[in-house]
Protein backbone atom coordinates (compact mmCIF):
# COMPACT_ATOMS: atom_id res chain seq x y z
CA UNK A 1 95.98 73.34 83.62
CA UNK A 2 94.62 74.21 80.20
CA UNK A 3 96.92 75.52 77.48
CA UNK A 4 95.23 78.92 77.64
CA UNK A 5 95.63 78.92 81.44
CA UNK A 6 99.35 78.22 81.11
CA UNK A 7 99.68 81.03 78.56
CA UNK A 8 97.87 83.38 80.94
CA UNK A 9 100.22 82.47 83.80
CA UNK A 10 103.21 83.15 81.52
CA UNK A 11 101.67 86.54 80.65
CA UNK A 12 101.27 87.42 84.33
CA UNK A 13 104.79 86.25 85.16
CA UNK A 14 106.36 88.31 82.35
CA UNK A 15 104.94 91.36 84.14
CA UNK A 16 105.27 90.37 87.81
CA UNK A 17 107.65 87.39 88.09
CA UNK A 18 106.43 84.35 90.01
CA UNK A 19 103.20 84.44 91.96
CA UNK A 20 103.31 84.49 95.74
CA UNK A 21 100.42 82.04 96.03
CA UNK A 22 97.44 80.54 94.23
CA UNK A 23 94.15 80.02 96.10
CA UNK A 24 90.58 78.97 95.60
CA UNK A 25 87.56 79.94 97.66
CA UNK A 26 86.72 76.79 99.60
CA UNK A 27 83.14 76.49 98.31
CA UNK A 28 80.78 78.18 95.84
CA UNK A 29 79.61 81.61 97.08
CA UNK A 30 76.05 80.26 97.24
CA UNK A 31 74.93 76.62 97.77
CA UNK A 32 72.83 76.68 94.57
CA UNK A 33 75.89 77.39 92.40
CA UNK A 34 77.99 74.64 90.89
CA UNK A 35 81.69 74.69 91.74
CA UNK A 36 84.04 76.42 89.36
CA UNK A 37 86.28 74.17 87.23
CA UNK A 38 89.21 72.58 89.03
CA UNK A 39 91.74 74.75 87.16
CA UNK A 40 90.18 78.04 88.40
CA UNK A 41 92.20 79.90 91.00
CA UNK A 42 93.27 83.36 92.08
CA UNK A 43 96.98 84.15 91.99
CA UNK A 44 98.68 86.85 94.03
CA UNK A 45 101.52 88.89 92.50
CA UNK A 46 103.56 91.56 94.24
CA UNK A 47 103.52 95.05 92.77
CA UNK A 48 105.70 97.97 93.74
CA UNK A 49 105.26 99.42 97.21
CA UNK A 50 102.81 97.72 99.53
CA UNK A 51 100.29 96.62 96.91
CA UNK A 52 99.52 93.31 95.25
CA UNK A 53 97.65 92.19 92.17
CA UNK A 54 95.15 89.38 92.74
CA UNK A 55 94.32 87.78 89.38
CA UNK A 56 91.97 85.07 88.13
CA UNK A 57 93.26 82.10 86.17
CA UNK A 58 90.75 80.14 84.06
CA UNK A 59 87.77 82.35 84.91
CA UNK A 60 86.81 81.96 81.24
CA UNK A 61 86.55 78.63 79.52
CA UNK A 62 89.26 77.83 76.97
CA UNK A 63 86.69 77.90 74.15
CA UNK A 64 85.05 81.24 75.09
CA UNK A 65 84.89 83.50 72.02
CA UNK A 66 86.01 86.52 74.09
CA UNK A 67 87.95 85.15 77.09
CA UNK A 68 88.23 87.50 80.06
CA UNK A 69 90.28 87.34 83.24
CA UNK A 70 90.08 89.88 86.05
CA UNK A 71 92.40 91.31 88.66
CA UNK A 72 92.09 93.43 91.76
CA UNK A 73 94.86 95.77 92.87
CA UNK A 74 94.90 96.27 96.61
CA UNK A 75 96.88 96.16 99.83
CA UNK A 76 99.40 93.37 100.20
CA UNK A 77 98.05 91.76 103.37
CA UNK A 78 96.32 88.51 104.30
CA UNK A 79 92.84 89.95 104.98
CA UNK A 80 92.77 91.85 101.68
CA UNK A 81 94.08 88.80 99.84
CA UNK A 82 91.31 86.62 101.28
CA UNK A 83 88.64 89.21 100.43
CA UNK A 84 90.05 89.55 96.90
CA UNK A 85 89.84 85.78 96.37
CA UNK A 86 86.19 85.89 97.47
CA UNK A 87 85.23 88.88 95.28
CA UNK A 88 86.97 87.43 92.22
CA UNK A 89 85.34 84.02 92.82
CA UNK A 90 81.87 85.57 93.06
CA UNK A 91 82.53 87.47 89.83
CA UNK A 92 83.87 84.35 88.09
CA UNK A 93 80.67 82.49 89.05
CA UNK A 94 78.56 85.29 87.58
CA UNK A 95 80.67 85.28 84.41
CA UNK A 96 80.36 81.50 84.02
CA UNK A 97 76.71 81.04 85.03
CA UNK A 98 75.06 84.46 84.56
CA UNK A 99 76.21 86.51 81.64
CA UNK A 100 79.58 86.98 80.00
CA UNK A 101 81.24 90.08 81.39
CA UNK A 102 83.33 92.64 79.52
CA UNK A 103 84.78 96.15 79.85
CA UNK A 104 82.21 98.57 81.24
CA UNK A 105 80.05 95.95 82.93
CA UNK A 106 79.40 96.10 86.66
CA UNK A 107 78.83 93.44 89.29
CA UNK A 108 76.69 94.01 92.39
CA UNK A 109 78.17 92.21 95.40
CA UNK A 110 75.25 93.06 97.69
CA UNK A 111 77.67 94.11 100.43
CA UNK A 112 80.52 96.59 100.74
CA UNK A 113 84.05 95.59 99.77
CA UNK A 114 84.96 96.55 103.34
CA UNK A 115 82.63 96.90 106.35
CA UNK A 116 81.02 100.33 106.39
CA UNK A 117 82.42 101.25 102.95
CA UNK A 118 80.40 102.84 100.15
CA UNK A 119 81.78 100.59 97.38
CA UNK A 120 79.52 97.55 96.97
CA UNK A 121 79.98 96.96 93.26
CA UNK A 122 82.81 96.21 90.87
CA UNK A 123 83.42 97.95 87.54
CA UNK A 124 85.27 96.01 84.87
CA UNK A 125 87.82 98.45 83.50
CA UNK A 126 90.89 98.51 81.32
CA UNK A 127 94.08 97.81 83.31
CA UNK A 128 95.17 101.46 83.44
CA UNK A 129 97.69 100.98 86.26
CA UNK A 130 99.40 98.06 84.51
CA UNK A 131 99.55 99.60 81.03
CA UNK A 132 98.05 98.75 77.64
CA UNK A 133 100.44 95.86 76.93
CA UNK A 134 99.01 94.01 79.94
CA UNK A 135 95.44 94.11 78.61
CA UNK A 136 95.88 91.23 76.13
CA UNK A 137 97.64 87.93 76.60
CA UNK A 138 99.34 87.62 73.19
CA UNK A 139 98.91 83.92 72.34
CA UNK A 140 95.21 83.36 73.05
CA UNK A 141 94.05 86.99 73.06
CA UNK A 142 92.73 86.72 76.61
CA UNK A 143 91.61 90.13 77.86
CA UNK A 144 93.01 91.00 81.31
CA UNK A 145 90.78 93.59 82.95
CA UNK A 146 90.74 95.40 86.29
CA UNK A 147 87.87 94.98 88.76
CA UNK A 148 87.55 98.43 90.37
CA UNK A 149 85.49 99.11 93.52
CA UNK A 150 82.59 101.48 92.77
CA UNK A 151 79.49 102.80 94.51
CA UNK A 152 75.81 102.59 93.58
CA UNK A 153 75.76 106.26 92.57
CA UNK A 154 78.80 105.79 90.32
CA UNK A 155 77.08 102.88 88.57
CA UNK A 156 73.95 105.02 88.12
CA UNK A 157 76.14 107.79 86.66
CA UNK A 158 77.76 105.31 84.25
CA UNK A 159 74.36 104.06 83.11
CA UNK A 160 73.11 107.61 82.48
CA UNK A 161 76.24 109.21 80.99
CA UNK A 162 78.46 106.31 79.88
CA UNK A 163 81.71 104.70 80.94
CA UNK A 164 83.93 107.46 79.50
CA UNK A 165 82.06 110.11 81.48
CA UNK A 166 82.45 108.12 84.71
CA UNK A 167 86.16 107.57 84.09
CA UNK A 168 86.53 111.32 83.45
CA UNK A 169 84.87 111.95 86.82
CA UNK A 170 87.34 109.54 88.44
CA UNK A 171 90.27 111.40 86.86
CA UNK A 172 88.98 114.85 87.81
CA UNK A 173 88.46 113.75 91.43
CA UNK A 174 91.83 111.94 91.47
CA UNK A 175 89.93 108.93 92.78
CA UNK A 176 92.06 106.41 94.65
CA UNK A 177 90.82 103.07 93.25
CA UNK A 178 92.99 101.22 95.76
CA UNK A 179 90.95 102.64 98.66
CA UNK A 180 88.04 100.24 99.06
CA UNK A 181 86.42 102.53 101.67
CA UNK A 182 86.59 105.69 99.54
CA UNK A 183 83.57 107.97 99.16
CA UNK A 184 81.67 108.25 95.87
CA UNK A 185 82.87 110.79 93.31
CA UNK A 186 79.36 111.36 91.93
């Protein structure tokens, strides 16, 4: 594990204690993609209640000028954990081989987070549920951001009116970001 990866794990464990497991998706999401580095994995951490935080480790390279790691907050069950590993792996591939991602960017998964759901994209957001101290790993300055399920219409709204306007819509609607099958707020 890289030094920055070890620092990131320490940052996660200061907030959540030890991880429940670490997993990798068994193959690249598409045959044309190269595999992610050997140190990449997704770790699961228990949160309060019946939720878990699924977080990337070594999504960014140690020498990235603006390193970013992502997490998903969702139900604490095996099916959701497996789907979270897949979604975070797809996003890590895009980050490593497409364009560097940051707060406010969106990823199009081409399929709903859950069958029949309206959310087929992910919005990279500040980690509002975990608090501002969680956003930066202090030693390497790694940004820890939240991958939030969003709909096509919400992405269109963000493009037209901006991220702050979309987040205001989420607040006004009391959007449940943990509900992957939720309807659009726009």
